[in-house]
Amino acid sequence: MDEYAWPTGPDVPAAGEVRRSWAATVAALPVGTRITGEVIGRQPFGVFIRIDGVPNAMALAEITAMPQWMDLPGLGSLVSGEVFWHAAHNHQVKVRLDEWRAADE
C-alpha cells in the first residue's frame, strides 16, 4: 500500500454532504473544541480525520502544526486534538493533534 492515500470508503462523508452540513459542523465544533477521530487519509501536507460524533465533518491536521522531527500518524490511527480553525473555502475543520502539542512542551 502507498504511504499516502486520499480518504475513501463507506464511512467517508460525500463532498456534497460535507458542504451541506458546513454550518452545522462549525456550530458543533467551535474553535477550542476537543475532538477524537480516526485517520482516514494521509498526504504529504497532513492527515484527514473522521471526527467522532460529527459524521459529515472532515478534519485536517496539517504538517505546519507538526514538530519537524515527528511522523504523520498512520491510516486507521485513533487521534485526538483541538479545533483551531474553520476553512470555509474547502469545508475543513483544522485540528492540532495532542501528540504534536505534547512534543512541543
N, C-alpha and C. Protein backbone atom coordinates (compact mmCIF):
# COMPACT_ATOMS: atom_id res chain seq x y z
N MET A 1 0.84 -1.18 0.00
CA MET A 1 0.00 0.00 0.00
C MET A 1 0.89 1.24 0.00
N ASP A 2 0.46 2.24 -0.73
CA ASP A 2 1.18 3.51 -0.81
C ASP A 2 1.17 4.19 0.56
N GLU A 3 2.22 4.92 0.85
CA GLU A 3 2.33 5.66 2.11
C GLU A 3 1.23 6.71 2.23
N TYR A 4 0.80 7.26 1.10
CA TYR A 4 -0.21 8.31 1.08
C TYR A 4 -1.48 7.80 0.43
N ALA A 5 -2.62 8.27 0.94
CA ALA A 5 -3.91 7.85 0.40
C ALA A 5 -4.94 8.95 0.67
N TRP A 6 -5.81 9.18 -0.31
CA TRP A 6 -6.93 10.08 -0.11
C TRP A 6 -8.01 9.36 0.69
N PRO A 7 -8.83 10.08 1.42
CA PRO A 7 -9.92 9.43 2.16
C PRO A 7 -10.88 8.72 1.21
N THR A 8 -11.10 7.44 1.47
CA THR A 8 -12.05 6.65 0.67
C THR A 8 -12.76 5.68 1.59
N GLY A 9 -13.84 5.12 1.10
CA GLY A 9 -14.54 4.08 1.83
C GLY A 9 -15.94 4.49 2.23
N PRO A 10 -16.70 3.53 2.72
CA PRO A 10 -18.12 3.78 3.04
C PRO A 10 -18.33 4.75 4.20
N ASP A 11 -17.36 4.91 5.07
CA ASP A 11 -17.53 5.79 6.22
C ASP A 11 -17.05 7.21 5.96
N VAL A 12 -16.56 7.50 4.76
CA VAL A 12 -16.09 8.83 4.41
C VAL A 12 -17.29 9.63 3.90
N PRO A 13 -17.56 10.79 4.51
CA PRO A 13 -18.71 11.57 4.05
C PRO A 13 -18.51 12.08 2.63
N ALA A 14 -19.58 12.07 1.85
CA ALA A 14 -19.53 12.58 0.48
C ALA A 14 -19.32 14.09 0.52
N ALA A 15 -18.63 14.60 -0.50
CA ALA A 15 -18.32 16.03 -0.56
C ALA A 15 -19.58 16.89 -0.45
N GLY A 16 -20.65 16.48 -1.09
CA GLY A 16 -21.90 17.23 -1.03
C GLY A 16 -22.47 17.29 0.38
N GLU A 17 -22.37 16.20 1.11
CA GLU A 17 -22.85 16.17 2.49
C GLU A 17 -22.00 17.06 3.39
N VAL A 18 -20.69 17.03 3.17
CA VAL A 18 -19.79 17.90 3.95
C VAL A 18 -20.16 19.36 3.70
N ARG A 19 -20.38 19.70 2.46
CA ARG A 19 -20.72 21.08 2.09
C ARG A 19 -22.08 21.49 2.68
N ARG A 20 -23.10 20.65 2.52
CA ARG A 20 -24.43 20.97 3.02
C ARG A 20 -24.46 21.07 4.55
N SER A 21 -23.60 20.34 5.22
CA SER A 21 -23.58 20.31 6.68
C SER A 21 -22.61 21.32 7.29
N TRP A 22 -21.98 22.16 6.46
CA TRP A 22 -20.92 23.03 6.96
C TRP A 22 -21.37 23.92 8.11
N ALA A 23 -22.50 24.59 8.01
CA ALA A 23 -22.95 25.48 9.08
C ALA A 23 -23.15 24.70 10.38
N ALA A 24 -23.73 23.52 10.29
CA ALA A 24 -23.94 22.68 11.48
C ALA A 24 -22.60 22.20 12.05
N THR A 25 -21.65 21.90 11.17
CA THR A 25 -20.33 21.47 11.62
C THR A 25 -19.63 22.57 12.40
N VAL A 26 -19.64 23.78 11.87
CA VAL A 26 -19.00 24.91 12.55
C VAL A 26 -19.67 25.16 13.90
N ALA A 27 -20.99 25.06 13.95
CA ALA A 27 -21.71 25.26 15.20
C ALA A 27 -21.37 24.17 16.22
N ALA A 28 -21.22 22.93 15.76
CA ALA A 28 -20.94 21.80 16.66
C ALA A 28 -19.48 21.76 17.10
N LEU A 29 -18.58 22.36 16.30
CA LEU A 29 -17.14 22.27 16.57
C LEU A 29 -16.48 23.66 16.58
N PRO A 30 -16.86 24.52 17.53
CA PRO A 30 -16.22 25.84 17.56
C PRO A 30 -14.73 25.72 17.89
N VAL A 31 -13.99 26.77 17.56
CA VAL A 31 -12.57 26.81 17.88
C VAL A 31 -12.40 26.52 19.37
N GLY A 32 -11.44 25.64 19.69
CA GLY A 32 -11.19 25.24 21.06
C GLY A 32 -11.84 23.91 21.44
N THR A 33 -12.71 23.39 20.59
CA THR A 33 -13.38 22.11 20.86
C THR A 33 -12.39 20.96 20.80
N ARG A 34 -12.46 20.07 21.75
CA ARG A 34 -11.65 18.84 21.76
C ARG A 34 -12.33 17.83 20.85
N ILE A 35 -11.55 17.16 20.04
CA ILE A 35 -12.09 16.13 19.14
C ILE A 35 -11.28 14.85 19.28
N THR A 36 -11.91 13.75 18.90
CA THR A 36 -11.24 12.48 18.69
C THR A 36 -11.72 11.95 17.35
N GLY A 37 -10.93 11.09 16.75
CA GLY A 37 -11.33 10.53 15.48
C GLY A 37 -10.29 9.58 14.92
N GLU A 38 -10.58 9.13 13.71
CA GLU A 38 -9.72 8.15 13.02
C GLU A 38 -9.09 8.78 11.79
N VAL A 39 -7.82 8.52 11.59
CA VAL A 39 -7.13 8.99 10.39
C VAL A 39 -7.65 8.16 9.21
N ILE A 40 -8.25 8.87 8.24
CA ILE A 40 -8.84 8.18 7.09
C ILE A 40 -8.15 8.54 5.78
N GLY A 41 -7.15 9.39 5.86
CA GLY A 41 -6.38 9.75 4.66
C GLY A 41 -5.07 10.40 5.07
N ARG A 42 -4.03 10.18 4.25
CA ARG A 42 -2.70 10.76 4.50
C ARG A 42 -2.18 11.36 3.21
N GLN A 43 -1.64 12.56 3.33
CA GLN A 43 -1.00 13.22 2.21
C GLN A 43 0.27 13.88 2.75
N PRO A 44 1.19 14.27 1.89
CA PRO A 44 2.42 14.89 2.37
C PRO A 44 2.17 16.14 3.22
N PHE A 45 1.01 16.77 3.05
CA PHE A 45 0.71 18.01 3.77
C PHE A 45 -0.05 17.79 5.07
N GLY A 46 -0.49 16.56 5.37
CA GLY A 46 -1.20 16.30 6.62
C GLY A 46 -2.09 15.07 6.56
N VAL A 47 -2.92 14.93 7.60
CA VAL A 47 -3.82 13.78 7.69
C VAL A 47 -5.27 14.25 7.77
N PHE A 48 -6.15 13.48 7.11
CA PHE A 48 -7.59 13.71 7.16
C PHE A 48 -8.16 12.84 8.27
N ILE A 49 -9.10 13.41 9.03
CA ILE A 49 -9.65 12.72 10.20
C ILE A 49 -11.17 12.72 10.13
N ARG A 50 -11.76 11.54 10.36
CA ARG A 50 -13.20 11.43 10.54
C ARG A 50 -13.46 11.69 12.02
N ILE A 51 -14.21 12.73 12.34
CA ILE A 51 -14.43 13.15 13.71
C ILE A 51 -15.56 12.35 14.35
N ASP A 52 -15.27 11.77 15.50
CA ASP A 52 -16.29 11.01 16.23
C ASP A 52 -17.48 11.91 16.56
N GLY A 53 -18.69 11.42 16.30
CA GLY A 53 -19.91 12.11 16.67
C GLY A 53 -20.35 13.21 15.71
N VAL A 54 -19.57 13.49 14.69
CA VAL A 54 -19.94 14.51 13.70
C VAL A 54 -19.73 13.89 12.32
N PRO A 55 -20.69 13.07 11.87
CA PRO A 55 -20.46 12.22 10.70
C PRO A 55 -20.20 12.94 9.38
N ASN A 56 -20.67 14.17 9.21
CA ASN A 56 -20.46 14.85 7.94
C ASN A 56 -19.35 15.89 8.01
N ALA A 57 -18.48 15.77 9.00
CA ALA A 57 -17.35 16.69 9.13
C ALA A 57 -16.06 16.03 8.64
N MET A 58 -15.19 16.85 8.08
CA MET A 58 -13.87 16.38 7.66
C MET A 58 -12.84 17.28 8.33
N ALA A 59 -11.94 16.68 9.08
CA ALA A 59 -10.88 17.45 9.74
C ALA A 59 -9.57 17.22 9.00
N LEU A 60 -8.71 18.21 9.11
CA LEU A 60 -7.37 18.11 8.54
C LEU A 60 -6.38 18.61 9.58
N ALA A 61 -5.40 17.77 9.88
CA ALA A 61 -4.27 18.16 10.72
C ALA A 61 -3.08 18.33 9.77
N GLU A 62 -2.67 19.58 9.56
CA GLU A 62 -1.61 19.88 8.60
C GLU A 62 -0.22 19.81 9.24
N ILE A 63 0.76 19.51 8.42
CA ILE A 63 2.12 19.38 8.93
C ILE A 63 2.68 20.70 9.44
N THR A 64 2.06 21.81 9.07
CA THR A 64 2.54 23.11 9.58
C THR A 64 2.40 23.18 11.10
N ALA A 65 1.54 22.36 11.68
CA ALA A 65 1.35 22.32 13.14
C ALA A 65 2.12 21.17 13.78
N MET A 66 2.86 20.39 12.99
CA MET A 66 3.56 19.20 13.48
C MET A 66 5.04 19.52 13.71
N PRO A 67 5.60 19.10 14.85
CA PRO A 67 7.05 19.26 15.03
C PRO A 67 7.80 18.56 13.89
N GLN A 68 8.88 19.17 13.42
CA GLN A 68 9.60 18.67 12.25
C GLN A 68 10.13 17.26 12.40
N TRP A 69 10.45 16.84 13.60
CA TRP A 69 11.07 15.53 13.79
C TRP A 69 10.03 14.40 13.95
N MET A 70 8.75 14.74 13.94
CA MET A 70 7.72 13.71 14.11
C MET A 70 7.24 13.20 12.76
N ASP A 71 6.54 12.07 12.80
CA ASP A 71 5.94 11.49 11.60
C ASP A 71 4.43 11.65 11.67
N LEU A 72 3.81 11.66 10.50
CA LEU A 72 2.34 11.69 10.44
C LEU A 72 1.78 10.39 11.01
N PRO A 73 0.65 10.45 11.70
CA PRO A 73 0.01 9.21 12.14
C PRO A 73 -0.44 8.39 10.93
N GLY A 74 -0.47 7.08 11.10
CA GLY A 74 -0.84 6.18 10.01
C GLY A 74 -2.34 6.08 9.80
N LEU A 75 -2.71 5.55 8.64
CA LEU A 75 -4.12 5.28 8.36
C LEU A 75 -4.70 4.39 9.45
N GLY A 76 -5.89 4.70 9.90
CA GLY A 76 -6.55 3.91 10.93
C GLY A 76 -6.17 4.30 12.34
N SER A 77 -5.19 5.18 12.51
CA SER A 77 -4.80 5.61 13.86
C SER A 77 -5.93 6.40 14.50
N LEU A 78 -6.11 6.19 15.80
CA LEU A 78 -7.05 6.99 16.57
C LEU A 78 -6.28 8.16 17.16
N VAL A 79 -6.79 9.36 16.94
CA VAL A 79 -6.10 10.57 17.36
C VAL A 79 -7.06 11.48 18.11
N SER A 80 -6.48 12.42 18.84
CA SER A 80 -7.28 13.46 19.50
C SER A 80 -6.56 14.78 19.33
N GLY A 81 -7.31 15.85 19.47
CA GLY A 81 -6.74 17.17 19.30
C GLY A 81 -7.74 18.25 19.58
N GLU A 82 -7.43 19.44 19.06
CA GLU A 82 -8.25 20.62 19.31
C GLU A 82 -8.47 21.38 18.01
N VAL A 83 -9.71 21.81 17.81
CA VAL A 83 -10.05 22.63 16.65
C VAL A 83 -9.40 24.00 16.82
N PHE A 84 -8.67 24.45 15.78
CA PHE A 84 -8.10 25.79 15.87
C PHE A 84 -8.51 26.70 14.70
N TRP A 85 -9.24 26.17 13.70
CA TRP A 85 -9.65 26.99 12.58
C TRP A 85 -10.73 26.27 11.78
N HIS A 86 -11.53 27.05 11.05
CA HIS A 86 -12.51 26.50 10.11
C HIS A 86 -12.17 27.05 8.73
N ALA A 87 -11.86 26.18 7.80
CA ALA A 87 -11.52 26.59 6.43
C ALA A 87 -12.77 26.48 5.57
N ALA A 88 -13.51 27.58 5.49
CA ALA A 88 -14.80 27.58 4.78
C ALA A 88 -14.65 27.30 3.29
N HIS A 89 -13.53 27.70 2.68
CA HIS A 89 -13.37 27.53 1.23
C HIS A 89 -13.36 26.06 0.82
N ASN A 90 -12.92 25.17 1.71
CA ASN A 90 -12.95 23.74 1.37
C ASN A 90 -13.63 22.90 2.44
N HIS A 91 -14.36 23.56 3.33
CA HIS A 91 -15.20 22.90 4.33
C HIS A 91 -14.42 21.92 5.21
N GLN A 92 -13.27 22.37 5.69
CA GLN A 92 -12.43 21.54 6.55
C GLN A 92 -12.29 22.17 7.93
N VAL A 93 -12.32 21.31 8.92
CA VAL A 93 -12.06 21.70 10.30
C VAL A 93 -10.57 21.48 10.53
N LYS A 94 -9.84 22.53 10.84
CA LYS A 94 -8.40 22.41 11.05
C LYS A 94 -8.15 22.03 12.52
N VAL A 95 -7.29 21.04 12.72
CA VAL A 95 -7.05 20.46 14.04
C VAL A 95 -5.56 20.40 14.32
N ARG A 96 -5.19 20.67 15.56
CA ARG A 96 -3.81 20.42 16.02
C ARG A 96 -3.88 19.21 16.94
N LEU A 97 -3.13 18.18 16.60
CA LEU A 97 -3.17 16.93 17.35
C LEU A 97 -2.46 17.05 18.70
N ASP A 98 -3.00 16.35 19.69
CA ASP A 98 -2.42 16.36 21.04
C ASP A 98 -0.97 15.91 21.04
N GLU A 99 -0.66 14.87 20.26
CA GLU A 99 0.72 14.34 20.26
C GLU A 99 1.70 15.39 19.74
N TRP A 100 1.25 16.27 18.88
CA TRP A 100 2.11 17.33 18.37
C TRP A 100 2.30 18.41 19.43
N ARG A 101 1.22 18.73 20.13
CA ARG A 101 1.31 19.74 21.18
C ARG A 101 2.21 19.26 22.30
N ALA A 102 2.06 18.00 22.71
CA ALA A 102 2.87 17.44 23.80
C ALA A 102 4.35 17.44 23.43
N ALA A 103 4.66 17.20 22.17
CA ALA A 103 6.05 17.16 21.72
C ALA A 103 6.70 18.55 21.78
N ASP A 104 5.89 19.59 21.66
CA ASP A 104 6.40 20.97 21.72
C ASP A 104 6.68 21.44 23.15
N GLU A 105 6.08 20.76 24.11
CA GLU A 105 6.20 21.21 25.52
C GLU A 105 7.46 20.71 26.17
